[in-house]
Protein backbone atom coordinates (compact mmCIF):
# COMPACT_ATOMS: atom_id res chain seq x y z
CA MET A 1 -0.40 35.78 106.69
CA LYS A 2 -3.17 38.33 107.24
CA LYS A 3 -2.14 38.63 110.88
CA ALA A 4 1.42 39.23 109.82
CA GLY A 5 0.27 41.90 107.50
CA ILE A 6 -1.66 43.65 110.22
CA LEU A 7 1.18 43.45 112.54
CA LEU A 8 3.55 45.01 109.97
CA SER A 9 1.13 47.68 109.44
CA VAL A 10 0.91 48.56 113.09
CA CYS A 11 4.75 48.70 113.31
CA LEU A 12 5.13 50.93 110.41
CA LEU A 13 2.45 53.33 112.06
CA LEU A 14 4.29 53.31 115.33
CA MET A 15 7.51 54.12 113.57
CA LEU A 16 5.80 57.05 111.76
CA VAL A 17 4.26 58.43 114.94
CA THR A 18 7.59 58.09 116.73
CA ALA A 19 9.50 59.95 113.76
CA CYS A 20 6.89 62.85 113.83
CA SER A 21 7.14 63.12 117.52
CA VAL A 22 10.96 63.81 117.79
CA PRO A 23 11.17 67.18 119.50
CA GLN A 24 12.68 70.24 117.89
CA ASN A 25 16.38 70.86 118.45
CA ALA A 26 16.77 67.17 118.47
CA ARG A 27 19.51 65.02 116.41
CA ASP A 28 19.38 65.10 112.73
CA SER A 29 19.14 61.63 110.93
CA ASP A 30 22.75 61.93 109.95
CA ASN A 31 23.64 61.77 113.59
CA GLN A 32 26.33 64.56 112.75
CA THR A 33 24.23 67.70 113.18
CA ILE A 34 21.34 69.01 115.22
CA THR A 35 18.89 71.45 114.20
CA VAL A 36 18.04 74.21 116.58
CA THR A 37 15.60 77.22 116.68
CA ASP A 38 17.66 80.51 117.33
CA MET A 39 16.32 83.49 118.87
CA VAL A 40 14.89 85.02 115.89
CA ASP A 41 12.89 81.98 114.95
CA ARG A 42 15.38 80.64 112.44
CA GLN A 43 15.86 76.95 111.94
CA VAL A 44 19.85 76.41 111.80
CA LYS A 45 21.39 73.12 111.37
CA VAL A 46 24.67 73.04 113.49
CA PRO A 47 27.43 70.45 113.58
CA ARG A 48 27.76 68.17 116.70
CA ASN A 49 30.97 68.12 118.87
CA ILE A 50 31.87 71.64 118.03
CA GLN A 51 35.61 72.41 118.38
CA ARG A 52 35.78 76.13 116.98
CA PHE A 53 33.21 78.71 117.27
CA SER A 54 33.17 82.51 117.47
CA CYS A 55 31.01 85.22 119.19
CA GLN A 56 30.41 88.11 116.88
CA ASN A 57 28.79 91.35 117.84
CA SER A 58 27.77 89.71 121.01
CA GLN A 59 29.56 90.07 124.56
CA VAL A 60 26.34 88.43 125.88
CA ALA A 61 27.35 85.11 124.21
CA ALA A 62 31.12 85.64 125.22
CA TYR A 63 29.99 85.79 128.93
CA ILE A 64 27.91 82.88 128.51
CA VAL A 65 30.61 80.89 126.69
CA TYR A 66 33.01 81.57 129.85
CA ALA A 67 30.29 80.56 132.28
CA LEU A 68 29.82 77.35 130.43
CA GLY A 69 33.59 76.78 130.53
CA GLN A 70 33.67 76.51 126.63
CA GLN A 71 36.18 79.40 126.13
CA ASP A 72 38.91 77.12 124.95
CA LYS A 73 37.00 76.50 121.59
CA LEU A 74 36.40 79.98 121.04
CA VAL A 75 38.48 81.10 118.04
CA ALA A 76 38.18 84.81 118.13
CA PRO A 77 38.07 87.22 119.55
CA VAL A 78 39.02 87.44 122.96
CA PRO A 79 35.72 88.59 124.72
CA LEU A 80 34.59 90.79 127.71
CA GLY A 81 36.80 93.72 127.60
CA LYS A 82 38.67 94.61 130.73
CA LEU A 83 37.63 90.98 132.30
CA GLY A 84 38.90 89.33 128.96
CA ARG A 85 42.27 91.02 129.05
CA THR A 86 42.65 90.29 132.64
CA MET A 87 41.60 86.66 132.31
CA ALA A 88 43.88 86.04 129.44
CA LYS A 89 46.65 86.34 131.86
CA THR A 90 45.47 83.95 134.38
CA ASP A 91 43.11 81.58 132.69
CA ASP A 92 44.41 78.03 131.57
CA LYS A 93 41.70 77.79 128.91
CA LYS A 94 42.46 80.77 126.85
CA SER A 95 40.83 81.58 123.67
CA ILE A 96 42.39 80.45 120.41
CA GLY A 97 42.04 83.91 118.98
CA ASN A 98 45.31 86.00 119.31
CA GLY A 99 45.44 89.86 119.76
CA ILE A 100 41.87 90.66 119.14
CA GLU A 101 40.36 92.27 122.06
CA ARG A 102 36.84 93.31 121.07
CA VAL A 103 34.08 91.06 120.30
CA HIS A 104 32.84 93.22 117.29
CA SER A 105 36.23 93.93 115.88
CA VAL A 106 36.79 90.97 113.65
CA ASN A 107 35.85 91.38 110.07
CA VAL A 108 34.54 88.57 107.69
CA GLU A 109 37.94 88.01 105.97
CA GLN A 110 39.56 87.39 109.34
CA LEU A 111 36.76 85.16 110.56
CA LEU A 112 36.94 82.93 107.35
CA MET A 113 40.62 82.58 108.04
CA LEU A 114 39.56 81.10 111.52
CA LYS A 115 37.07 78.71 110.20
CA PRO A 116 34.63 78.59 113.12
CA GLN A 117 32.00 75.78 112.84
CA VAL A 118 29.34 78.07 114.24
CA VAL A 119 29.09 81.75 114.80
CA PHE A 120 26.95 82.98 117.73
CA CYS A 121 25.70 86.64 116.68
CA GLN A 122 23.66 89.03 118.73
CA VAL A 123 20.91 90.42 116.79
CA ASP A 124 21.39 94.26 116.42
CA LEU A 125 18.63 96.70 115.61
CA ASP A 126 18.55 96.24 111.80
CA GLY A 127 19.91 92.61 111.43
CA THR A 128 22.95 93.87 109.37
CA ALA A 129 25.52 91.82 111.40
CA LEU A 130 23.57 88.62 111.19
CA GLN A 131 22.60 88.97 107.56
CA GLN A 132 26.43 89.63 106.42
CA LEU A 133 27.61 86.54 108.14
CA VAL A 134 24.94 84.41 106.72
CA ASP A 135 25.57 85.80 103.22
CA SER A 136 29.38 84.93 103.70
CA GLY A 137 28.49 81.40 104.01
CA PHE A 138 28.80 80.91 108.12
CA THR A 139 26.57 78.80 110.28
CA VAL A 140 25.06 81.58 112.49
CA VAL A 141 23.11 81.47 115.42
CA ALA A 142 21.09 84.55 116.46
CA ILE A 143 21.19 85.56 120.15
CA LYS A 144 19.27 88.14 122.17
CA GLY A 145 20.21 89.28 125.61
CA GLU A 146 18.76 92.72 126.66
CA THR A 147 16.42 91.01 129.33
CA LEU A 148 16.95 88.39 131.86
CA GLU A 149 14.56 86.19 129.98
CA ASP A 150 16.47 86.53 126.68
CA GLY A 151 19.66 85.82 128.49
CA PHE A 152 18.59 82.59 130.22
CA GLU A 153 17.24 81.46 126.93
CA ALA A 154 20.48 82.37 125.36
CA VAL A 155 22.36 80.23 127.93
CA ARG A 156 20.07 77.14 127.07
CA LEU A 157 20.57 77.52 123.33
CA ILE A 158 24.18 77.91 123.47
CA ALA A 159 24.48 75.15 126.10
CA LYS A 160 22.55 72.72 123.83
CA ILE A 161 24.56 73.59 120.73
CA LEU A 162 28.03 73.15 122.81
CA ASP A 163 26.77 70.05 124.50
CA CYS A 164 27.13 71.23 127.85
CA GLU A 165 23.34 71.55 129.07
CA ASP A 166 23.98 70.55 132.69
CA LYS A 167 26.52 73.47 133.07
CA GLY A 168 24.08 75.65 131.56
CA LYS A 169 21.33 74.80 134.21
CA GLU A 170 23.79 75.20 136.88
CA TYR A 171 24.39 78.77 135.63
CA THR A 172 20.86 79.57 135.22
CA ASN A 173 20.08 77.98 138.57
CA ALA A 174 22.59 80.10 140.29
CA CYS A 175 21.35 83.41 138.68
CA GLU A 176 17.85 82.50 139.80
CA LYS A 177 18.88 81.76 143.39
CA LEU A 178 20.37 85.21 143.52
CA LEU A 179 17.25 86.95 141.99
CA GLN A 180 15.00 85.13 144.80
CA MET A 181 17.23 86.42 147.53
CA VAL A 182 16.84 89.93 146.21
CA GLU A 183 13.02 89.48 145.47
CA SER A 184 12.59 88.04 149.21
CA ARG A 185 13.91 91.25 150.61
CA VAL A 186 12.66 94.26 148.53
CA GLY A 187 9.72 92.65 146.66
CA ASP A 188 7.15 93.76 149.29
CA VAL A 189 8.20 97.64 148.93
CA PRO A 190 5.19 99.47 147.08
CA VAL A 191 6.06 101.07 143.97
CA GLU A 192 5.32 104.54 145.54
CA ASN A 193 7.86 104.07 148.22
CA ARG A 194 10.68 102.70 146.06
CA PRO A 195 13.81 104.94 145.44
CA ARG A 196 13.54 106.92 142.13
CA ALA A 197 16.90 106.27 140.42
CA LEU A 198 19.04 107.57 137.18
CA VAL A 199 21.35 105.49 135.34
CA GLU A 200 23.88 107.56 133.30
CA ARG A 201 26.31 106.06 131.03
CA GLY A 202 29.25 107.99 131.98
CA ALA A 203 30.73 108.79 128.62
CA GLY A 204 31.15 112.68 128.86
CA ASN A 205 27.62 113.54 128.09
CA PHE A 206 24.21 113.00 130.06
CA ALA A 207 23.17 109.85 128.12
CA VAL A 208 20.72 107.94 130.45
CA ALA A 209 19.24 104.51 130.42
CA SER A 210 15.78 104.38 129.05
CA ASP A 211 12.90 101.93 129.32
CA ASP A 212 14.30 99.82 126.38
CA MET A 213 17.38 98.88 128.33
CA SER A 214 18.59 96.37 130.84
CA GLU A 215 19.58 98.95 133.44
CA THR A 216 15.86 99.72 134.01
CA LEU A 217 15.28 96.03 134.59
CA ILE A 218 18.30 95.92 136.99
CA LEU A 219 16.64 98.86 138.83
CA ARG A 220 13.33 97.32 139.20
CA ARG A 221 14.56 93.92 140.30
CA ALA A 222 16.47 95.81 142.88
CA GLY A 223 13.60 97.53 144.41
CA ALA A 224 13.92 100.94 142.48
CA GLU A 225 12.16 102.80 139.61
CA ASN A 226 13.97 104.39 136.77
CA VAL A 227 13.07 108.21 136.48
CA ALA A 228 13.90 107.87 132.68
CA ALA A 229 11.70 105.07 132.06
CA GLY A 230 9.26 107.19 130.06
CA LEU A 231 12.14 107.64 127.31
CA ARG A 232 12.87 105.05 124.45
CA ALA A 233 15.86 104.30 122.29
CA PHE A 234 19.41 103.25 123.45
CA TRP A 235 21.27 105.83 125.67
CA PRO A 236 19.21 108.83 124.85
CA VAL A 237 20.91 112.06 125.71
CA VAL A 238 18.98 114.54 127.91
CA SER A 239 19.76 118.11 129.34
CA PRO A 240 20.94 118.95 132.76
CA GLU A 241 17.53 120.60 133.19
CA ARG A 242 15.62 117.41 132.60
CA ILE A 243 17.67 115.86 135.24
CA ILE A 244 16.99 118.45 137.72
CA GLU A 245 13.19 118.05 136.98
CA TRP A 246 13.34 114.10 137.69
CA ASN A 247 15.23 114.99 140.97
CA PRO A 248 16.39 111.34 141.48
CA ASP A 249 16.96 110.03 144.84
CA ALA A 250 19.95 107.99 143.49
CA ILE A 251 22.10 108.35 140.65
CA PHE A 252 24.13 105.37 139.22
CA LEU A 253 26.95 105.59 136.77
CA GLY A 254 27.47 103.19 134.21
CA ARG A 255 30.30 100.98 132.96
CA LEU A 256 32.12 103.85 130.98
CA ALA A 257 32.26 106.20 134.09
CA GLY A 258 35.46 107.71 135.42
CA GLU A 259 36.28 109.95 138.16
CA ASP A 260 35.49 112.95 135.87
CA ASP A 261 31.86 111.72 135.40
CA THR A 262 31.31 111.51 139.17
CA LYS A 263 32.63 114.98 139.56
CA ARG A 264 30.11 116.30 136.70
CA PHE A 265 27.38 115.49 139.33
CA LEU A 266 28.93 116.07 142.73
CA ASP A 267 30.84 119.48 142.00
CA ASN A 268 28.42 120.94 139.51
CA THR A 269 26.61 123.62 141.37
CA ILE A 270 23.61 123.05 138.94
CA PHE A 271 22.93 119.74 140.63
CA SER A 272 23.41 120.84 144.15
CA THR A 273 19.56 120.64 144.89
CA LEU A 274 19.03 117.10 143.70
CA LYS A 275 18.15 114.76 146.53
CA ALA A 276 20.84 112.29 145.12
CA ILE A 277 23.48 114.94 145.47
CA ALA A 278 22.34 116.20 149.04
CA ASN A 279 22.18 112.67 150.32
CA LYS A 280 25.52 111.61 148.76
CA GLN A 281 23.56 108.80 146.94
CA VAL A 282 25.86 108.78 143.58
CA TYR A 283 27.26 105.33 142.82
CA VAL A 284 29.45 103.80 140.04
CA PHE A 285 28.59 100.18 139.09
CA PRO A 286 31.40 97.91 139.73
CA SER A 287 33.42 97.68 136.48
CA ASN A 288 37.05 97.37 136.80
CA ILE A 289 36.78 93.47 136.09
CA GLY A 290 33.68 93.16 134.03
CA CYS A 291 30.40 95.32 133.89
CA TRP A 292 27.67 94.51 136.29
CA ASP A 293 25.22 96.77 134.41
CA PHE A 294 25.62 94.78 131.18
CA PRO A 295 22.80 92.78 129.57
CA ALA A 296 23.72 89.04 130.25
CA PRO A 297 22.65 86.80 133.03
CA HIS A 298 25.66 87.70 135.28
CA CYS A 299 23.98 91.11 135.65
CA VAL A 300 22.32 89.44 138.53
CA LEU A 301 25.39 90.55 140.46
CA GLY A 302 24.49 94.10 139.58
CA ILE A 303 20.92 93.52 140.97
CA VAL A 304 22.25 92.25 144.10
CA TRP A 305 24.76 95.13 144.41
CA THR A 306 22.22 97.78 143.62
CA ALA A 307 19.75 96.37 145.92
CA LYS A 308 22.01 96.20 148.82
CA THR A 309 23.30 99.67 148.00
CA LEU A 310 19.81 101.28 148.05
CA TYR A 311 18.57 99.06 150.87
CA PRO A 312 21.64 98.55 153.25
CA ASP A 313 19.45 97.65 156.32
CA ARG A 314 17.75 94.69 154.36
CA PHE A 315 21.14 93.31 153.12
CA ALA A 316 23.27 94.04 156.18
CA ASP A 317 24.19 90.25 156.34
CA VAL A 318 25.15 89.97 152.75
CA ASN A 319 28.68 90.12 151.76
CA MET A 320 28.89 91.31 148.24
CA THR A 321 32.44 90.37 147.78
CA GLU A 322 31.80 86.64 148.82
CA ILE A 323 28.80 86.57 146.36
CA ALA A 324 31.07 87.91 143.60
CA ASP A 325 34.01 85.62 144.50
CA ASP A 326 31.87 82.50 144.60
CA PHE A 327 30.08 83.49 141.17
CA TYR A 328 33.30 84.26 139.44
CA LYS A 329 35.09 81.21 140.61
CA ARG A 330 32.13 78.85 139.63
CA PHE A 331 31.39 80.55 136.16
CA ILE A 332 34.57 82.52 135.09
CA GLY A 333 37.15 80.06 136.69
CA THR A 334 38.89 82.59 138.93
CA SER A 335 37.36 84.55 141.75
CA PHE A 336 36.58 88.18 141.69
CA THR A 337 39.22 89.21 144.24
CA GLU A 338 41.74 86.96 142.41
CA LEU A 339 41.27 88.81 139.23
CA GLY A 340 41.61 92.24 141.07
CA GLY A 341 37.98 92.89 141.32
CA LYS A 342 37.09 95.95 143.43
CA LEU A 343 33.73 97.22 145.05
């Protein structure tokens, strides 16, 4: 009897230790939910087998959702700007949301009608969007994405919640492979010998990418240095005189750039002495089908393109169109060329 009591005590102790060792982000006891830690360290209980979700204030999450092949469960809105509108015409797994093109355009009332089981919300500067959704009773998971590390963590988190972790790992591995390829070719270039580049937004004024932004990360990963890295804030506007003082070796125009933005540099006599102008080193990020300078893991395509643009000899064997076609086919469902993508 005494031995039986000891054995029972041991069993109870083992059960207690096992229960305490269940990892975070594991199944809850009701087997209908899991508890995850989102990207602002909130504990959020989300349902299993999610069939309806939304991405609010977050094109980062929307890109990830498509990369994971989960867009058929996206209730609203249609994501990704130009890419989303193009894909809506070709993709068999269309978003459930109808007629809503911008990821931050759905208000709380509309979202309540769509009844998402979970909402992925990118954290803005003051957290108001996140708090508004929480106060309205939604199950909200906070997402970040300004750095590659944040982007990869967002992939892992979303893939966990949507029960497609193998696809998430495939996506991050593909991104890492491209990053490693670039690093192997430009990683040995000393900082002092790297091209000094400027990223200008292309919105009718001289708004430039600062040190706080993913564009600076793209340049550094591609073997360049941002002349405006000393600035902070989001797209600070500078004077033409400041750009002349920086005298960048190359100028990259961002996702909003058009023909007029290119002319503002190439045809403006005030910039005629810039090295970037004299050497015809003014470029526009590929943006007719998705934006490669956007803070999400797919910006690895922008890193490869930027590195090849700045170091053509080191990337002579790299076919950018082939890389983009393969990446889009695997993680968007249709190749870059088939969607009408142009470089």
